[in-house]
PDB file of N, CA and C in Angstrom:
ATOM      1  N   MET A   1     -47.296  98.145-112.720  1.00  0.00           N
ATOM      2  CA  MET A   1     -47.047  98.991-113.854  1.00  0.00           C
ATOM      3  C   MET A   1     -48.061  98.674-114.949  1.00  0.00           C
ATOM      4  N   ALA A   2     -48.610  99.688-115.528  1.00  0.00           N
ATOM      5  CA  ALA A   2     -49.621  99.515-116.566  1.00  0.00           C
ATOM      6  C   ALA A   2     -48.963  99.395-117.934  1.00  0.00           C
ATOM      7  N   PHE A   3     -49.412  98.431-118.690  1.00  0.00           N
ATOM      8  CA  PHE A   3     -48.891  98.239-120.040  1.00  0.00           C
ATOM      9  C   PHE A   3     -49.950  98.708-121.027  1.00  0.00           C
ATOM     10  N   LEU A   4     -49.673  99.775-121.744  1.00  0.00           N
ATOM     11  CA  LEU A   4     -50.601 100.367-122.709  1.00  0.00           C
ATOM     12  C   LEU A   4     -51.953 100.709-122.074  1.00  0.00           C
ATOM     13  N   GLY A   5     -51.933 101.112-120.848  1.00  0.00           N
ATOM     14  CA  GLY A   5     -53.151 101.500-120.167  1.00  0.00           C
ATOM     15  C   GLY A   5     -53.938 100.339-119.580  1.00  0.00           C
ATOM     16  N   LEU A   6     -53.465  99.095-119.727  1.00  0.00           N
ATOM     17  CA  LEU A   6     -54.167  97.932-119.175  1.00  0.00           C
ATOM     18  C   LEU A   6     -53.668  97.682-117.753  1.00  0.00           C
ATOM     19  N   ARG A   7     -54.609  97.539-116.845  1.00  0.00           N
ATOM     20  CA  ARG A   7     -54.256  97.313-115.455  1.00  0.00           C
ATOM     21  C   ARG A   7     -54.226  95.819-115.150  1.00  0.00           C
ATOM     22  N   LYS A   8     -53.801  95.499-113.961  1.00  0.00           N
ATOM     23  CA  LYS A   8     -53.735  94.097-113.563  1.00  0.00           C
ATOM     24  C   LYS A   8     -55.139  93.494-113.510  1.00  0.00           C
ATOM     25  N   TRP A   9     -56.123  94.261-113.056  1.00  0.00           N
ATOM     26  CA  TRP A   9     -57.504  93.810-113.020  1.00  0.00           C
ATOM     27  C   TRP A   9     -58.314  94.710-113.945  1.00  0.00           C
ATOM     28  N   PRO A  10     -58.576  94.268-115.161  1.00  0.00           N
ATOM     29  CA  PRO A  10     -59.265  95.139-116.121  1.00  0.00           C
ATOM     30  C   PRO A  10     -60.708  95.429-115.704  1.00  0.00           C
ATOM     31  N   THR A  11     -61.166  96.565-116.049  1.00  0.00           N
ATOM     32  CA  THR A  11     -62.531  96.980-115.759  1.00  0.00           C
ATOM     33  C   THR A  11     -63.485  96.259-116.696  1.00  0.00           C
ATOM     34  N   PRO A  12     -64.573  95.677-116.176  1.00  0.00           N
ATOM     35  CA  PRO A  12     -65.521  94.987-117.060  1.00  0.00           C
ATOM     36  C   PRO A  12     -66.246  95.994-117.960  1.00  0.00           C
ATOM     37  N   VAL A  13     -66.332  95.673-119.229  1.00  0.00           N
ATOM     38  CA  VAL A  13     -66.980  96.560-120.191  1.00  0.00           C
ATOM     39  C   VAL A  13     -68.148  95.861-120.869  1.00  0.00           C
ATOM     40  N   ALA A  14     -67.934  94.645-121.331  1.00  0.00           N
ATOM     41  CA  ALA A  14     -68.956  93.949-122.137  1.00  0.00           C
ATOM     42  C   ALA A  14     -70.215  93.633-121.327  1.00  0.00           C
ATOM     43  N   ARG A  15     -70.069  93.103-120.137  1.00  0.00           N
ATOM     44  CA  ARG A  15     -71.243  92.699-119.361  1.00  0.00           C
ATOM     45  C   ARG A  15     -72.113  93.890-118.943  1.00  0.00           C
ATOM     46  N   PRO A  16     -71.564  94.990-118.446  1.00  0.00           N
ATOM     47  CA  PRO A  16     -72.425  96.124-118.097  1.00  0.00           C
ATOM     48  C   PRO A  16     -73.054  96.800-119.314  1.00  0.00           C
ATOM     49  N   MET A  17     -72.407  96.711-120.474  1.00  0.00           N
ATOM     50  CA  MET A  17     -72.928  97.359-121.675  1.00  0.00           C
ATOM     51  C   MET A  17     -73.914  96.485-122.443  1.00  0.00           C
ATOM     52  N   ALA A  18     -74.034  95.212-122.109  1.00  0.00           N
ATOM     53  CA  ALA A  18     -74.882  94.277-122.850  1.00  0.00           C
ATOM     54  C   ALA A  18     -76.334  94.753-122.967  1.00  0.00           C
ATOM     55  N   PRO A  19     -76.991  95.238-121.906  1.00  0.00           N
ATOM     56  CA  PRO A  19     -78.374  95.701-122.075  1.00  0.00           C
ATOM     57  C   PRO A  19     -78.496  96.871-123.046  1.00  0.00           C
ATOM     58  N   PHE A  20     -77.500  97.737-123.058  1.00  0.00           N
ATOM     59  CA  PHE A  20     -77.548  98.887-123.956  1.00  0.00           C
ATOM     60  C   PHE A  20     -77.330  98.464-125.405  1.00  0.00           C
ATOM     61  N   VAL A  21     -76.464  97.489-125.616  1.00  0.00           N
ATOM     62  CA  VAL A  21     -76.247  96.970-126.965  1.00  0.00           C
ATOM     63  C   VAL A  21     -77.510  96.280-127.459  1.00  0.00           C
ATOM     64  N   ALA A  22     -78.144  95.485-126.612  1.00  0.00           N
ATOM     65  CA  ALA A  22     -79.382  94.799-126.991  1.00  0.00           C
ATOM     66  C   ALA A  22     -80.491  95.808-127.281  1.00  0.00           C
ATOM     67  N   ALA A  23     -80.615  96.828-126.458  1.00  0.00           N
ATOM     68  CA  ALA A  23     -81.645  97.841-126.678  1.00  0.00           C
ATOM     69  C   ALA A  23     -81.386  98.624-127.959  1.00  0.00           C
ATOM     70  N   THR A  24     -80.125  98.884-128.266  1.00  0.00           N
ATOM     71  CA  THR A  24     -79.788  99.581-129.505  1.00  0.00           C
ATOM     72  C   THR A  24     -80.176  98.742-130.712  1.00  0.00           C
ATOM     73  N   ALA A  25     -79.866  97.458-130.689  1.00  0.00           N
ATOM     74  CA  ALA A  25     -80.216  96.569-131.803  1.00  0.00           C
ATOM     75  C   ALA A  25     -81.725  96.473-131.964  1.00  0.00           C
ATOM     76  N   LEU A  26     -82.448  96.338-130.862  1.00  0.00           N
ATOM     77  CA  LEU A  26     -83.906  96.247-130.923  1.00  0.00           C
ATOM     78  C   LEU A  26     -84.511  97.549-131.439  1.00  0.00           C
ATOM     79  N   THR A  27     -84.029  98.675-130.977  1.00  0.00           N
ATOM     80  CA  THR A  27     -84.530  99.969-131.433  1.00  0.00           C
ATOM     81  C   THR A  27     -84.251 100.165-132.915  1.00  0.00           C
ATOM     82  N   TYR A  28     -83.057  99.818-133.362  1.00  0.00           N
ATOM     83  CA  TYR A  28     -82.700  99.940-134.771  1.00  0.00           C
ATOM     84  C   TYR A  28     -83.625  99.096-135.638  1.00  0.00           C
ATOM     85  N   TYR A  29     -83.889  97.857-135.213  1.00  0.00           N
ATOM     86  CA  TYR A  29     -84.773  96.968-135.971  1.00  0.00           C
ATOM     87  C   TYR A  29     -86.206  97.508-135.997  1.00  0.00           C
ATOM     88  N   LEU A  30     -86.728  97.923-134.857  1.00  0.00           N
ATOM     89  CA  LEU A  30     -88.118  98.381-134.791  1.00  0.00           C
ATOM     90  C   LEU A  30     -88.321  99.687-135.551  1.00  0.00           C
ATOM     91  N   VAL A  31     -87.375 100.599-135.500  1.00  0.00           N
ATOM     92  CA  VAL A  31     -87.500 101.848-136.253  1.00  0.00           C
ATOM     93  C   VAL A  31     -87.468 101.557-137.743  1.00  0.00           C
ATOM     94  N   GLY A  32     -86.613 100.638-138.169  1.00  0.00           N
ATOM     95  CA  GLY A  32     -86.564 100.250-139.579  1.00  0.00           C
ATOM     96  C   GLY A  32     -87.859  99.610-140.038  1.00  0.00           C
ATOM     97  N   ALA A  33     -88.433  98.734-139.217  1.00  0.00           N
ATOM     98  CA  ALA A  33     -89.702  98.098-139.568  1.00  0.00           C
ATOM     99  C   ALA A  33     -90.831  99.120-139.624  1.00  0.00           C
ATOM    100  N   LEU A  34     -90.864 100.041-138.680  1.00  0.00           N
ATOM    101  CA  LEU A  34     -91.887 101.078-138.660  1.00  0.00           C
ATOM    102  C   LEU A  34     -91.754 101.995-139.876  1.00  0.00           C
ATOM    103  N   GLN A  35     -90.530 102.330-140.248  1.00  0.00           N
ATOM    104  CA  GLN A  35     -90.309 103.173-141.409  1.00  0.00           C
ATOM    105  C   GLN A  35     -90.764 102.461-142.681  1.00  0.00           C
ATOM    106  N   ASP A  36     -90.477 101.179-142.799  1.00  0.00           N
ATOM    107  CA  ASP A  36     -90.900 100.421-143.968  1.00  0.00           C
ATOM    108  C   ASP A  36     -92.422 100.344-144.050  1.00  0.00           C
ATOM    109  N   MET A  37     -93.079 100.128-142.907  1.00  0.00           N
ATOM    110  CA  MET A  37     -94.551 100.096-142.910  1.00  0.00           C
ATOM    111  C   MET A  37     -95.122 101.461-143.288  1.00  0.00           C
ATOM    112  N   ALA A  38     -94.510 102.525-142.816  1.00  0.00           N
ATOM    113  CA  ALA A  38     -95.014 103.865-143.112  1.00  0.00           C
ATOM    114  C   ALA A  38     -94.832 104.207-144.585  1.00  0.00           C
ATOM    115  N   VAL A  39     -93.711 103.830-145.168  1.00  0.00           N
ATOM    116  CA  VAL A  39     -93.456 104.132-146.573  1.00  0.00           C
ATOM    117  C   VAL A  39     -94.412 103.349-147.470  1.00  0.00           C
ATOM    118  N   ARG A  40     -94.770 102.147-147.066  1.00  0.00           N
ATOM    119  CA  ARG A  40     -95.643 101.299-147.876  1.00  0.00           C
ATOM    120  C   ARG A  40     -97.126 101.500-147.576  1.00  0.00           C
ATOM    121  N   SER A  41     -97.483 102.375-146.668  1.00  0.00           N
ATOM    122  CA  SER A  41     -98.892 102.594-146.350  1.00  0.00           C
ATOM    123  C   SER A  41     -99.615 103.191-147.557  1.00  0.00           C
ATOM    124  N   ASP A  42    -100.930 103.005-147.598  1.00  0.00           N
ATOM    125  CA  ASP A  42    -101.715 103.483-148.740  1.00  0.00           C
ATOM    126  C   ASP A  42    -101.636 104.997-148.904  1.00  0.00           C
ATOM    127  N   ALA A  43    -101.488 105.702-147.814  1.00  0.00           N
ATOM    128  CA  ALA A  43    -101.447 107.165-147.884  1.00  0.00           C
ATOM    129  C   ALA A  43    -100.205 107.674-148.608  1.00  0.00           C
ATOM    130  N   TYR A  44     -99.099 106.949-148.514  1.00  0.00           N
ATOM    131  CA  TYR A  44     -97.845 107.442-149.077  1.00  0.00           C
ATOM    132  C   TYR A  44     -97.277 106.572-150.197  1.00  0.00           C
ATOM    133  N   ALA A  45     -97.878 105.424-150.485  1.00  0.00           N
ATOM    134  CA  ALA A  45     -97.328 104.522-151.501  1.00  0.00           C
ATOM    135  C   ALA A  45     -97.354 105.155-152.887  1.00  0.00           C
ATOM    136  N   ASN A  46     -98.363 105.952-153.178  1.00  0.00           N
ATOM    137  CA  ASN A  46     -98.481 106.561-154.505  1.00  0.00           C
ATOM    138  C   ASN A  46     -98.069 108.032-154.520  1.00  0.00           C
ATOM    139  N   ASP A  47     -97.541 108.512-153.438  1.00  0.00           N
ATOM    140  CA  ASP A  47     -97.102 109.904-153.362  1.00  0.00           C
ATOM    141  C   ASP A  47     -95.863 110.101-154.242  1.00  0.00           C
ATOM    142  N   PRO A  48     -95.859 111.084-155.136  1.00  0.00           N
ATOM    143  CA  PRO A  48     -94.688 111.274-156.002  1.00  0.00           C
ATOM    144  C   PRO A  48     -93.420 111.670-155.238  1.00  0.00           C
ATOM    145  N   LYS A  49     -93.559 112.164-154.021  1.00  0.00           N
ATOM    146  CA  LYS A  49     -92.375 112.519-153.223  1.00  0.00           C
ATOM    147  C   LYS A  49     -91.747 111.296-152.546  1.00  0.00           C
ATOM    148  N   ASN A  50     -92.437 110.161-152.585  1.00  0.00           N
ATOM    149  CA  ASN A  50     -91.936 108.941-151.970  1.00  0.00           C
ATOM    150  C   ASN A  50     -90.839 108.356-152.869  1.00  0.00           C
ATOM    151  N   PRO A  51     -89.608 108.234-152.371  1.00  0.00           N
ATOM    152  CA  PRO A  51     -88.536 107.712-153.220  1.00  0.00           C
ATOM    153  C   PRO A  51     -88.710 106.233-153.564  1.00  0.00           C
ATOM    154  N   TYR A  52     -89.572 105.522-152.850  1.00  0.00           N
ATOM    155  CA  TYR A  52     -89.785 104.100-153.103  1.00  0.00           C
ATOM    156  C   TYR A  52     -91.084 103.831-153.862  1.00  0.00           C
ATOM    157  N   ALA A  53     -91.741 104.871-154.378  1.00  0.00           N
ATOM    158  CA  ALA A  53     -93.037 104.706-155.032  1.00  0.00           C
ATOM    159  C   ALA A  53     -92.938 103.787-156.245  1.00  0.00           C
ATOM    160  N   ALA A  54     -91.928 103.951-157.072  1.00  0.00           N
ATOM    161  CA  ALA A  54     -91.787 103.104-158.258  1.00  0.00           C
ATOM    162  C   ALA A  54     -91.530 101.653-157.863  1.00  0.00           C
ATOM    163  N   GLN A  55     -90.718 101.437-156.867  1.00  0.00           N
ATOM    164  CA  GLN A  55     -90.427 100.079-156.406  1.00  0.00           C
ATOM    165  C   GLN A  55     -91.678  99.428-155.831  1.00  0.00           C
ATOM    166  N   ILE A  56     -92.468 100.168-155.066  1.00  0.00           N
ATOM    167  CA  ILE A  56     -93.687  99.633-154.471  1.00  0.00           C
ATOM    168  C   ILE A  56     -94.696  99.300-155.562  1.00  0.00           C
ATOM    169  N   ALA A  57     -94.818 100.164-156.571  1.00  0.00           N
ATOM    170  CA  ALA A  57     -95.754  99.920-157.664  1.00  0.00           C
ATOM    171  C   ALA A  57     -95.347  98.675-158.445  1.00  0.00           C
ATOM    172  N   LYS A  58     -94.048  98.486-158.675  1.00  0.00           N
ATOM    173  CA  LYS A  58     -93.574  97.314-159.400  1.00  0.00           C
ATOM    174  C   LYS A  58     -93.858  96.031-158.608  1.00  0.00           C
ATOM    175  N   GLU A  59     -93.659  96.086-157.273  1.00  0.00           N
ATOM    176  CA  GLU A  59     -93.928  94.921-156.445  1.00  0.00           C
ATOM    177  C   GLU A  59     -95.408  94.588-156.407  1.00  0.00           C
ATOM    178  N   LYS A  60     -96.265  95.618-156.344  1.00  0.00           N
ATOM    179  CA  LYS A  60     -97.712  95.371-156.333  1.00  0.00           C
ATOM    180  C   LYS A  60     -98.160  94.791-157.679  1.00  0.00           C
ATOM    181  N   ALA A  61     -97.578  95.241-158.781  1.00  0.00           N
ATOM    182  CA  ALA A  61     -97.937  94.721-160.095  1.00  0.00           C
ATOM    183  C   ALA A  61     -97.489  93.275-160.231  1.00  0.00           C
ATOM    184  N   ALA A  62     -96.383  92.906-159.637  1.00  0.00           N
ATOM    185  CA  ALA A  62     -95.878  91.528-159.723  1.00  0.00           C
ATOM    186  C   ALA A  62     -96.720  90.571-158.884  1.00  0.00           C
ATOM    187  N   HIS A  63     -97.324  91.074-157.815  1.00  0.00           N
ATOM    188  CA  HIS A  63     -98.110  90.209-156.934  1.00  0.00           C
ATOM    189  C   HIS A  63     -99.545  90.020-157.424  1.00  0.00           C
ATOM    190  N   HIS A  64    -100.015  90.866-158.314  1.00  0.00           N
ATOM    191  CA  HIS A  64    -101.411  90.752-158.765  1.00  0.00           C
ATOM    192  C   HIS A  64    -101.492  90.140-160.108  1.00  0.00           C
TER     193      HIS A  64
END
């Protein structure tokens, strides 16, 4: 008899999903890093449409 849908031998979930979880975390990190590099590139750092332009300018002024 199943109790709340749990069987006597539960189906493995964590081990088969581990590569997908790792790939998701890696993809999330790499896309974030790529986006940060693109926003801070010289072509877009001073663009008025860039929402981070003021923050980037303040950081560059603090470093020089």
